[in-house]
Amino acid sequence: MEGWLRENEGRDDAKGLDVDEACDALSKQMLDCMASDMAVEVAIYALDKAAQEGAVPFDVYMRNVRLLSREQFFHRAIGSKLRAVRTQSMASMAQQYAFP
């Protein structure tokens, strides 16, 4: 892998590549769900640190953790459904190309 990186380090053909266009809609949706889930996780962590330092009152902390946890639950539920769809579509593709 390191050899390939050395060989392809200065290539101009990869500069115009848009990563968002390289994936299908389902993969983009899964990536968005995962990014949102992780962003909520970071927000809860920061809120926890602020509460430990006394910068945020406990009632405000609890209310915001509850709201963020609810939002995170929905992101995880959607991500779970998307993974199930991805698995199902990959299984059907495997059956299509399976040997008789």
PDB file of N, CA and C in Angstrom:
ATOM      1  N   MET A   1       0.812  -1.180   0.000  1.00  0.00           N
ATOM      2  CA  MET A   1       0.000   0.000   0.000  1.00  0.00           C
ATOM      3  C   MET A   1       0.866   1.259   0.000  1.00  0.00           C
ATOM      4  N   GLU A   2       1.950   1.236   0.782  1.00  0.00           N
ATOM      5  CA  GLU A   2       2.833   2.393   0.817  1.00  0.00           C
ATOM      6  C   GLU A   2       3.464   2.644  -0.553  1.00  0.00           C
ATOM      7  N   GLY A   3       3.801   1.554  -1.267  1.00  0.00           N
ATOM      8  CA  GLY A   3       4.346   1.701  -2.610  1.00  0.00           C
ATOM      9  C   GLY A   3       3.357   2.354  -3.559  1.00  0.00           C
ATOM     10  N   TRP A   4       2.093   1.950  -3.465  1.00  0.00           N
ATOM     11  CA  TRP A   4       1.063   2.538  -4.319  1.00  0.00           C
ATOM     12  C   TRP A   4       0.900   4.019  -4.000  1.00  0.00           C
ATOM     13  N   LEU A   5       0.935   4.376  -2.718  1.00  0.00           N
ATOM     14  CA  LEU A   5       0.820   5.783  -2.327  1.00  0.00           C
ATOM     15  C   LEU A   5       1.978   6.605  -2.870  1.00  0.00           C
ATOM     16  N   ARG A   6       3.196   6.039  -2.816  1.00  0.00           N
ATOM     17  CA  ARG A   6       4.354   6.762  -3.356  1.00  0.00           C
ATOM     18  C   ARG A   6       4.210   6.967  -4.861  1.00  0.00           C
ATOM     19  N   GLU A   7       3.739   5.935  -5.567  1.00  0.00           N
ATOM     20  CA  GLU A   7       3.600   6.021  -7.020  1.00  0.00           C
ATOM     21  C   GLU A   7       2.524   7.022  -7.432  1.00  0.00           C
ATOM     22  N   ASN A   8       1.459   7.118  -6.674  1.00  0.00           N
ATOM     23  CA  ASN A   8       0.312   7.927  -7.073  1.00  0.00           C
ATOM     24  C   ASN A   8       0.188   9.240  -6.314  1.00  0.00           C
ATOM     25  N   GLU A   9       1.220   9.641  -5.613  1.00  0.00           N
ATOM     26  CA  GLU A   9       1.134  10.821  -4.765  1.00  0.00           C
ATOM     27  C   GLU A   9       0.877  12.112  -5.546  1.00  0.00           C
ATOM     28  N   GLY A  10       1.540  12.336  -6.644  1.00  0.00           N
ATOM     29  CA  GLY A  10       1.426  13.603  -7.348  1.00  0.00           C
ATOM     30  C   GLY A  10       0.517  13.579  -8.560  1.00  0.00           C
ATOM     31  N   ARG A  11      -0.316  12.593  -8.707  1.00  0.00           N
ATOM     32  CA  ARG A  11      -1.150  12.459  -9.906  1.00  0.00           C
ATOM     33  C   ARG A  11      -2.206  13.539  -9.965  1.00  0.00           C
ATOM     34  N   ASP A  12      -2.403  14.075 -11.163  1.00  0.00           N
ATOM     35  CA  ASP A  12      -3.371  15.153 -11.362  1.00  0.00           C
ATOM     36  C   ASP A  12      -4.792  14.650 -11.569  1.00  0.00           C
ATOM     37  N   ASP A  13      -4.980  13.397 -11.967  1.00  0.00           N
ATOM     38  CA  ASP A  13      -6.325  12.921 -12.282  1.00  0.00           C
ATOM     39  C   ASP A  13      -7.210  12.788 -11.043  1.00  0.00           C
ATOM     40  N   ALA A  14      -6.639  12.711  -9.859  1.00  0.00           N
ATOM     41  CA  ALA A  14      -7.441  12.576  -8.637  1.00  0.00           C
ATOM     42  C   ALA A  14      -7.855  13.923  -8.062  1.00  0.00           C
ATOM     43  N   LYS A  15      -7.296  15.024  -8.560  1.00  0.00           N
ATOM     44  CA  LYS A  15      -7.616  16.343  -7.998  1.00  0.00           C
ATOM     45  C   LYS A  15      -9.043  16.754  -8.274  1.00  0.00           C
ATOM     46  N   GLY A  16      -9.616  16.338  -9.376  1.00  0.00           N
ATOM     47  CA  GLY A  16     -10.981  16.711  -9.712  1.00  0.00           C
ATOM     48  C   GLY A  16     -12.023  15.749  -9.156  1.00  0.00           C
ATOM     49  N   LEU A  17     -11.609  14.762  -8.381  1.00  0.00           N
ATOM     50  CA  LEU A  17     -12.517  13.754  -7.851  1.00  0.00           C
ATOM     51  C   LEU A  17     -13.327  14.321  -6.697  1.00  0.00           C
ATOM     52  N   ASP A  18     -14.650  14.212  -6.794  1.00  0.00           N
ATOM     53  CA  ASP A  18     -15.537  14.623  -5.721  1.00  0.00           C
ATOM     54  C   ASP A  18     -15.979  13.370  -4.980  1.00  0.00           C
ATOM     55  N   VAL A  19     -15.626  13.274  -3.721  1.00  0.00           N
ATOM     56  CA  VAL A  19     -15.902  12.073  -2.948  1.00  0.00           C
ATOM     57  C   VAL A  19     -17.401  11.843  -2.805  1.00  0.00           C
ATOM     58  N   ASP A  20     -18.181  12.903  -2.687  1.00  0.00           N
ATOM     59  CA  ASP A  20     -19.626  12.759  -2.530  1.00  0.00           C
ATOM     60  C   ASP A  20     -20.287  12.155  -3.757  1.00  0.00           C
ATOM     61  N   GLU A  21     -19.723  12.397  -4.929  1.00  0.00           N
ATOM     62  CA  GLU A  21     -20.294  11.840  -6.149  1.00  0.00           C
ATOM     63  C   GLU A  21     -19.866  10.397  -6.371  1.00  0.00           C
ATOM     64  N   ALA A  22     -18.886   9.929  -5.617  1.00  0.00           N
ATOM     65  CA  ALA A  22     -18.356   8.589  -5.830  1.00  0.00           C
ATOM     66  C   ALA A  22     -19.201   7.500  -5.181  1.00  0.00           C
ATOM     67  N   CYS A  23     -20.194   7.866  -4.379  1.00  0.00           N
ATOM     68  CA  CYS A  23     -20.991   6.842  -3.709  1.00  0.00           C
ATOM     69  C   CYS A  23     -22.461   6.972  -4.119  1.00  0.00           C
ATOM     70  N   ASP A  24     -23.198   5.899  -3.903  1.00  0.00           N
ATOM     71  CA  ASP A  24     -24.609   5.904  -4.246  1.00  0.00           C
ATOM     72  C   ASP A  24     -25.421   6.603  -3.148  1.00  0.00           C
ATOM     73  N   ALA A  25     -26.708   6.770  -3.395  1.00  0.00           N
ATOM     74  CA  ALA A  25     -27.568   7.513  -2.478  1.00  0.00           C
ATOM     75  C   ALA A  25     -27.681   6.819  -1.124  1.00  0.00           C
ATOM     76  N   LEU A  26     -27.770   5.509  -1.123  1.00  0.00           N
ATOM     77  CA  LEU A  26     -27.896   4.770   0.130  1.00  0.00           C
ATOM     78  C   LEU A  26     -26.635   4.927   0.981  1.00  0.00           C
ATOM     79  N   SER A  27     -25.484   4.854   0.355  1.00  0.00           N
ATOM     80  CA  SER A  27     -24.227   5.016   1.086  1.00  0.00           C
ATOM     81  C   SER A  27     -24.100   6.426   1.644  1.00  0.00           C
ATOM     82  N   LYS A  28     -24.523   7.409   0.873  1.00  0.00           N
ATOM     83  CA  LYS A  28     -24.478   8.797   1.345  1.00  0.00           C
ATOM     84  C   LYS A  28     -25.409   8.981   2.538  1.00  0.00           C
ATOM     85  N   GLN A  29     -26.589   8.387   2.480  1.00  0.00           N
ATOM     86  CA  GLN A  29     -27.536   8.485   3.582  1.00  0.00           C
ATOM     87  C   GLN A  29     -26.973   7.804   4.831  1.00  0.00           C
ATOM     88  N   MET A  30     -26.332   6.653   4.650  1.00  0.00           N
ATOM     89  CA  MET A  30     -25.714   5.962   5.783  1.00  0.00           C
ATOM     90  C   MET A  30     -24.588   6.802   6.388  1.00  0.00           C
ATOM     91  N   LEU A  31     -23.800   7.431   5.534  1.00  0.00           N
ATOM     92  CA  LEU A  31     -22.715   8.279   6.002  1.00  0.00           C
ATOM     93  C   LEU A  31     -23.253   9.480   6.767  1.00  0.00           C
ATOM     94  N   ASP A  32     -24.325  10.090   6.265  1.00  0.00           N
ATOM     95  CA  ASP A  32     -24.941  11.221   6.953  1.00  0.00           C
ATOM     96  C   ASP A  32     -25.474  10.828   8.322  1.00  0.00           C
ATOM     97  N   CYS A  33     -26.112   9.663   8.416  1.00  0.00           N
ATOM     98  CA  CYS A  33     -26.633   9.177   9.698  1.00  0.00           C
ATOM     99  C   CYS A  33     -25.501   8.942  10.688  1.00  0.00           C
ATOM    100  N   MET A  34     -24.424   8.326  10.216  1.00  0.00           N
ATOM    101  CA  MET A  34     -23.300   8.047  11.091  1.00  0.00           C
ATOM    102  C   MET A  34     -22.642   9.347  11.562  1.00  0.00           C
ATOM    103  N   ALA A  35     -22.501  10.302  10.657  1.00  0.00           N
ATOM    104  CA  ALA A  35     -21.896  11.580  11.022  1.00  0.00           C
ATOM    105  C   ALA A  35     -22.767  12.326  12.038  1.00  0.00           C
ATOM    106  N   SER A  36     -24.074  12.295  11.846  1.00  0.00           N
ATOM    107  CA  SER A  36     -24.984  12.950  12.784  1.00  0.00           C
ATOM    108  C   SER A  36     -24.932  12.281  14.146  1.00  0.00           C
ATOM    109  N   ASP A  37     -24.901  10.958  14.160  1.00  0.00           N
ATOM    110  CA  ASP A  37     -24.814  10.202  15.402  1.00  0.00           C
ATOM    111  C   ASP A  37     -23.547  10.574  16.163  1.00  0.00           C
ATOM    112  N   MET A  38     -22.438  10.627  15.450  1.00  0.00           N
ATOM    113  CA  MET A  38     -21.168  10.954  16.092  1.00  0.00           C
ATOM    114  C   MET A  38     -21.128  12.404  16.565  1.00  0.00           C
ATOM    115  N   ALA A  39     -21.760  13.308  15.817  1.00  0.00           N
ATOM    116  CA  ALA A  39     -21.811  14.709  16.228  1.00  0.00           C
ATOM    117  C   ALA A  39     -22.609  14.866  17.519  1.00  0.00           C
ATOM    118  N   VAL A  40     -23.711  14.139  17.631  1.00  0.00           N
ATOM    119  CA  VAL A  40     -24.504  14.183  18.861  1.00  0.00           C
ATOM    120  C   VAL A  40     -23.685  13.611  20.019  1.00  0.00           C
ATOM    121  N   GLU A  41     -22.941  12.546  19.750  1.00  0.00           N
ATOM    122  CA  GLU A  41     -22.092  11.942  20.782  1.00  0.00           C
ATOM    123  C   GLU A  41     -21.074  12.949  21.302  1.00  0.00           C
ATOM    124  N   VAL A  42     -20.467  13.709  20.417  1.00  0.00           N
ATOM    125  CA  VAL A  42     -19.491  14.722  20.813  1.00  0.00           C
ATOM    126  C   VAL A  42     -20.177  15.838  21.602  1.00  0.00           C
ATOM    127  N   ALA A  43     -21.377  16.228  21.189  1.00  0.00           N
ATOM    128  CA  ALA A  43     -22.112  17.276  21.899  1.00  0.00           C
ATOM    129  C   ALA A  43     -22.457  16.831  23.323  1.00  0.00           C
ATOM    130  N   ILE A  44     -22.875  15.587  23.484  1.00  0.00           N
ATOM    131  CA  ILE A  44     -23.191  15.073  24.820  1.00  0.00           C
ATOM    132  C   ILE A  44     -21.921  15.026  25.678  1.00  0.00           C
ATOM    133  N   TYR A  45     -20.823  14.624  25.082  1.00  0.00           N
ATOM    134  CA  TYR A  45     -19.555  14.581  25.810  1.00  0.00           C
ATOM    135  C   TYR A  45     -19.152  15.981  26.280  1.00  0.00           C
ATOM    136  N   ALA A  46     -19.266  16.969  25.396  1.00  0.00           N
ATOM    137  CA  ALA A  46     -18.913  18.344  25.758  1.00  0.00           C
ATOM    138  C   ALA A  46     -19.852  18.878  26.845  1.00  0.00           C
ATOM    139  N   LEU A  47     -21.116  18.547  26.740  1.00  0.00           N
ATOM    140  CA  LEU A  47     -22.085  18.964  27.749  1.00  0.00           C
ATOM    141  C   LEU A  47     -21.768  18.312  29.096  1.00  0.00           C
ATOM    142  N   ASP A  48     -21.345  17.057  29.062  1.00  0.00           N
ATOM    143  CA  ASP A  48     -20.967  16.357  30.282  1.00  0.00           C
ATOM    144  C   ASP A  48     -19.768  17.026  30.946  1.00  0.00           C
ATOM    145  N   LYS A  49     -18.783  17.375  30.156  1.00  0.00           N
ATOM    146  CA  LYS A  49     -17.607  18.065  30.693  1.00  0.00           C
ATOM    147  C   LYS A  49     -17.992  19.414  31.293  1.00  0.00           C
ATOM    148  N   ALA A  50     -18.878  20.138  30.612  1.00  0.00           N
ATOM    149  CA  ALA A  50     -19.316  21.443  31.111  1.00  0.00           C
ATOM    150  C   ALA A  50     -20.072  21.292  32.432  1.00  0.00           C
ATOM    151  N   ALA A  51     -20.876  20.234  32.552  1.00  0.00           N
ATOM    152  CA  ALA A  51     -21.610  19.995  33.791  1.00  0.00           C
ATOM    153  C   ALA A  51     -20.657  19.614  34.925  1.00  0.00           C
ATOM    154  N   GLN A  52     -19.629  18.843  34.612  1.00  0.00           N
ATOM    155  CA  GLN A  52     -18.656  18.455  35.635  1.00  0.00           C
ATOM    156  C   GLN A  52     -17.886  19.659  36.164  1.00  0.00           C
ATOM    157  N   GLU A  53     -17.637  20.619  35.285  1.00  0.00           N
ATOM    158  CA  GLU A  53     -16.904  21.817  35.692  1.00  0.00           C
ATOM    159  C   GLU A  53     -17.805  22.858  36.344  1.00  0.00           C
ATOM    160  N   GLY A  54     -19.110  22.621  36.332  1.00  0.00           N
ATOM    161  CA  GLY A  54     -20.050  23.551  36.946  1.00  0.00           C
ATOM    162  C   GLY A  54     -20.470  24.697  36.051  1.00  0.00           C
ATOM    163  N   ALA A  55     -20.130  24.623  34.772  1.00  0.00           N
ATOM    164  CA  ALA A  55     -20.482  25.688  33.834  1.00  0.00           C
ATOM    165  C   ALA A  55     -21.942  25.612  33.396  1.00  0.00           C
ATOM    166  N   VAL A  56     -22.549  24.435  33.552  1.00  0.00           N
ATOM    167  CA  VAL A  56     -23.943  24.226  33.150  1.00  0.00           C
ATOM    168  C   VAL A  56     -24.703  23.691  34.367  1.00  0.00           C
ATOM    169  N   PRO A  57     -25.843  24.299  34.703  1.00  0.00           N
ATOM    170  CA  PRO A  57     -26.647  23.772  35.815  1.00  0.00           C
ATOM    171  C   PRO A  57     -27.162  22.370  35.491  1.00  0.00           C
ATOM    172  N   PHE A  58     -27.402  21.582  36.543  1.00  0.00           N
ATOM    173  CA  PHE A  58     -27.783  20.198  36.366  1.00  0.00           C
ATOM    174  C   PHE A  58     -29.088  20.038  35.592  1.00  0.00           C
ATOM    175  N   ASP A  59     -30.078  20.883  35.861  1.00  0.00           N
ATOM    176  CA  ASP A  59     -31.360  20.741  35.155  1.00  0.00           C
ATOM    177  C   ASP A  59     -31.223  21.032  33.667  1.00  0.00           C
ATOM    178  N   VAL A  60     -30.396  21.994  33.322  1.00  0.00           N
ATOM    179  CA  VAL A  60     -30.135  22.305  31.908  1.00  0.00           C
ATOM    180  C   VAL A  60     -29.389  21.145  31.258  1.00  0.00           C
ATOM    181  N   TYR A  61     -28.432  20.596  31.990  1.00  0.00           N
ATOM    182  CA  TYR A  61     -27.675  19.445  31.507  1.00  0.00           C
ATOM    183  C   TYR A  61     -28.607  18.273  31.198  1.00  0.00           C
ATOM    184  N   MET A  62     -29.467  17.930  32.141  1.00  0.00           N
ATOM    185  CA  MET A  62     -30.370  16.786  31.958  1.00  0.00           C
ATOM    186  C   MET A  62     -31.339  17.003  30.799  1.00  0.00           C
ATOM    187  N   ARG A  63     -31.880  18.194  30.678  1.00  0.00           N
ATOM    188  CA  ARG A  63     -32.826  18.482  29.591  1.00  0.00           C
ATOM    189  C   ARG A  63     -32.140  18.343  28.231  1.00  0.00           C
ATOM    190  N   ASN A  64     -30.938  18.893  28.130  1.00  0.00           N
ATOM    191  CA  ASN A  64     -30.225  18.834  26.849  1.00  0.00           C
ATOM    192  C   ASN A  64     -29.740  17.422  26.523  1.00  0.00           C
ATOM    193  N   VAL A  65     -29.316  16.676  27.524  1.00  0.00           N
ATOM    194  CA  VAL A  65     -28.916  15.290  27.283  1.00  0.00           C
ATOM    195  C   VAL A  65     -30.115  14.484  26.807  1.00  0.00           C
ATOM    196  N   ARG A  66     -31.274  14.724  27.408  1.00  0.00           N
ATOM    197  CA  ARG A  66     -32.491  14.016  26.986  1.00  0.00           C
ATOM    198  C   ARG A  66     -32.832  14.331  25.533  1.00  0.00           C
ATOM    199  N   LEU A  67     -32.773  15.604  25.170  1.00  0.00           N
ATOM    200  CA  LEU A  67     -33.083  15.998  23.789  1.00  0.00           C
ATOM    201  C   LEU A  67     -32.062  15.427  22.798  1.00  0.00           C
ATOM    202  N   LEU A  68     -30.799  15.508  23.153  1.00  0.00           N
ATOM    203  CA  LEU A  68     -29.761  14.987  22.268  1.00  0.00           C
ATOM    204  C   LEU A  68     -29.836  13.464  22.153  1.00  0.00           C
ATOM    205  N   SER A  69     -30.146  12.792  23.250  1.00  0.00           N
ATOM    206  CA  SER A  69     -30.257  11.332  23.214  1.00  0.00           C
ATOM    207  C   SER A  69     -31.412  10.892  22.327  1.00  0.00           C
ATOM    208  N   ARG A  70     -32.491  11.641  22.379  1.00  0.00           N
ATOM    209  CA  ARG A  70     -33.640  11.325  21.522  1.00  0.00           C
ATOM    210  C   ARG A  70     -33.269  11.483  20.050  1.00  0.00           C
ATOM    211  N   GLU A  71     -32.580  12.567  19.745  1.00  0.00           N
ATOM    212  CA  GLU A  71     -32.129  12.795  18.366  1.00  0.00           C
ATOM    213  C   GLU A  71     -31.172  11.690  17.927  1.00  0.00           C
ATOM    214  N   GLN A  72     -30.269  11.291  18.815  1.00  0.00           N
ATOM    215  CA  GLN A  72     -29.310  10.240  18.499  1.00  0.00           C
ATOM    216  C   GLN A  72     -30.017   8.907  18.269  1.00  0.00           C
ATOM    217  N   PHE A  73     -31.052   8.632  19.040  1.00  0.00           N
ATOM    218  CA  PHE A  73     -31.820   7.406  18.860  1.00  0.00           C
ATOM    219  C   PHE A  73     -32.384   7.335  17.445  1.00  0.00           C
ATOM    220  N   PHE A  74     -32.939   8.430  16.952  1.00  0.00           N
ATOM    221  CA  PHE A  74     -33.512   8.431  15.609  1.00  0.00           C
ATOM    222  C   PHE A  74     -32.441   8.242  14.541  1.00  0.00           C
ATOM    223  N   HIS A  75     -31.284   8.862  14.723  1.00  0.00           N
ATOM    224  CA  HIS A  75     -30.190   8.668  13.762  1.00  0.00           C
ATOM    225  C   HIS A  75     -29.739   7.206  13.746  1.00  0.00           C
ATOM    226  N   ARG A  76     -29.659   6.597  14.914  1.00  0.00           N
ATOM    227  CA  ARG A  76     -29.240   5.196  14.985  1.00  0.00           C
ATOM    228  C   ARG A  76     -30.303   4.265  14.417  1.00  0.00           C
ATOM    229  N   ALA A  77     -31.578   4.583  14.638  1.00  0.00           N
ATOM    230  CA  ALA A  77     -32.659   3.749  14.100  1.00  0.00           C
ATOM    231  C   ALA A  77     -32.666   3.806  12.577  1.00  0.00           C
ATOM    232  N   ILE A  78     -32.515   4.993  12.026  1.00  0.00           N
ATOM    233  CA  ILE A  78     -32.478   5.134  10.567  1.00  0.00           C
ATOM    234  C   ILE A  78     -31.246   4.418  10.007  1.00  0.00           C
ATOM    235  N   GLY A  79     -30.104   4.571  10.677  1.00  0.00           N
ATOM    236  CA  GLY A  79     -28.888   3.887  10.241  1.00  0.00           C
ATOM    237  C   GLY A  79     -29.047   2.378  10.262  1.00  0.00           C
ATOM    238  N   SER A  80     -29.737   1.865  11.277  1.00  0.00           N
ATOM    239  CA  SER A  80     -29.979   0.430  11.361  1.00  0.00           C
ATOM    240  C   SER A  80     -30.850  -0.052  10.202  1.00  0.00           C
ATOM    241  N   LYS A  81     -31.869   0.713   9.870  1.00  0.00           N
ATOM    242  CA  LYS A  81     -32.734   0.357   8.745  1.00  0.00           C
ATOM    243  C   LYS A  81     -31.970   0.410   7.428  1.00  0.00           C
ATOM    244  N   LEU A  82     -31.113   1.409   7.279  1.00  0.00           N
ATOM    245  CA  LEU A  82     -30.324   1.524   6.058  1.00  0.00           C
ATOM    246  C   LEU A  82     -29.345   0.363   5.918  1.00  0.00           C
ATOM    247  N   ARG A  83     -28.735  -0.060   7.038  1.00  0.00           N
ATOM    248  CA  ARG A  83     -27.837  -1.214   6.986  1.00  0.00           C
ATOM    249  C   ARG A  83     -28.586  -2.478   6.606  1.00  0.00           C
ATOM    250  N   ALA A  84     -29.830  -2.612   7.100  1.00  0.00           N
ATOM    251  CA  ALA A  84     -30.639  -3.785   6.741  1.00  0.00           C
ATOM    252  C   ALA A  84     -30.953  -3.788   5.250  1.00  0.00           C
ATOM    253  N   VAL A  85     -31.275  -2.622   4.708  1.00  0.00           N
ATOM    254  CA  VAL A  85     -31.557  -2.518   3.274  1.00  0.00           C
ATOM    255  C   VAL A  85     -30.301  -2.846   2.478  1.00  0.00           C
ATOM    256  N   ARG A  86     -29.154  -2.336   2.911  1.00  0.00           N
ATOM    257  CA  ARG A  86     -27.884  -2.590   2.229  1.00  0.00           C
ATOM    258  C   ARG A  86     -27.566  -4.087   2.253  1.00  0.00           C
ATOM    259  N   THR A  87     -27.751  -4.723   3.403  1.00  0.00           N
ATOM    260  CA  THR A  87     -27.474  -6.150   3.529  1.00  0.00           C
ATOM    261  C   THR A  87     -28.399  -6.962   2.630  1.00  0.00           C
ATOM    262  N   GLN A  88     -29.662  -6.579   2.607  1.00  0.00           N
ATOM    263  CA  GLN A  88     -30.637  -7.288   1.776  1.00  0.00           C
ATOM    264  C   GLN A  88     -30.297  -7.136   0.296  1.00  0.00           C
ATOM    265  N   SER A  89     -29.931  -5.944  -0.115  1.00  0.00           N
ATOM    266  CA  SER A  89     -29.603  -5.741  -1.537  1.00  0.00           C
ATOM    267  C   SER A  89     -28.323  -6.477  -1.918  1.00  0.00           C
ATOM    268  N   MET A  90     -27.355  -6.537  -0.996  1.00  0.00           N
ATOM    269  CA  MET A  90     -26.127  -7.266  -1.297  1.00  0.00           C
ATOM    270  C   MET A  90     -26.388  -8.765  -1.356  1.00  0.00           C
ATOM    271  N   ALA A  91     -27.293  -9.249  -0.512  1.00  0.00           N
ATOM    272  CA  ALA A  91     -27.631 -10.675  -0.530  1.00  0.00           C
ATOM    273  C   ALA A  91     -28.332 -11.046  -1.836  1.00  0.00           C
ATOM    274  N   SER A  92     -29.198 -10.162  -2.310  1.00  0.00           N
ATOM    275  CA  SER A  92     -29.888 -10.456  -3.572  1.00  0.00           C
ATOM    276  C   SER A  92     -28.906 -10.406  -4.750  1.00  0.00           C
ATOM    277  N   MET A  93     -27.916  -9.525  -4.672  1.00  0.00           N
ATOM    278  CA  MET A  93     -26.899  -9.479  -5.720  1.00  0.00           C
ATOM    279  C   MET A  93     -26.057 -10.746  -5.703  1.00  0.00           C
ATOM    280  N   ALA A  94     -25.765 -11.255  -4.518  1.00  0.00           N
ATOM    281  CA  ALA A  94     -24.969 -12.472  -4.409  1.00  0.00           C
ATOM    282  C   ALA A  94     -25.732 -13.664  -4.972  1.00  0.00           C
ATOM    283  N   GLN A  95     -27.037 -13.717  -4.749  1.00  0.00           N
ATOM    284  CA  GLN A  95     -27.840 -14.792  -5.306  1.00  0.00           C
ATOM    285  C   GLN A  95     -27.883 -14.718  -6.823  1.00  0.00           C
ATOM    286  N   GLN A  96     -27.887 -13.506  -7.343  1.00  0.00           N
ATOM    287  CA  GLN A  96     -27.948 -13.316  -8.786  1.00  0.00           C
ATOM    288  C   GLN A  96     -26.709 -13.869  -9.462  1.00  0.00           C
ATOM    289  N   TYR A  97     -25.558 -13.710  -8.820  1.00  0.00           N
ATOM    290  CA  TYR A  97     -24.311 -14.145  -9.414  1.00  0.00           C
ATOM    291  C   TYR A  97     -23.821 -15.484  -8.892  1.00  0.00           C
ATOM    292  N   ALA A  98     -24.629 -16.173  -8.098  1.00  0.00           N
ATOM    293  CA  ALA A  98     -24.226 -17.464  -7.530  1.00  0.00           C
ATOM    294  C   ALA A  98     -24.230 -18.532  -8.619  1.00  0.00           C
ATOM    295  N   PHE A  99     -23.392 -19.524  -8.417  1.00  0.00           N
ATOM    296  CA  PHE A  99     -23.334 -20.628  -9.360  1.00  0.00           C
ATOM    297  C   PHE A  99     -24.534 -21.540  -9.147  1.00  0.00           C
ATOM    298  N   PRO A 100     -25.068 -22.088 -10.240  1.00  0.00           N
ATOM    299  CA  PRO A 100     -26.247 -22.991 -10.105  1.00  0.00           C
ATOM    300  C   PRO A 100     -25.911 -24.313  -9.482  1.00  0.00           C
TER     301      PRO A 100
END
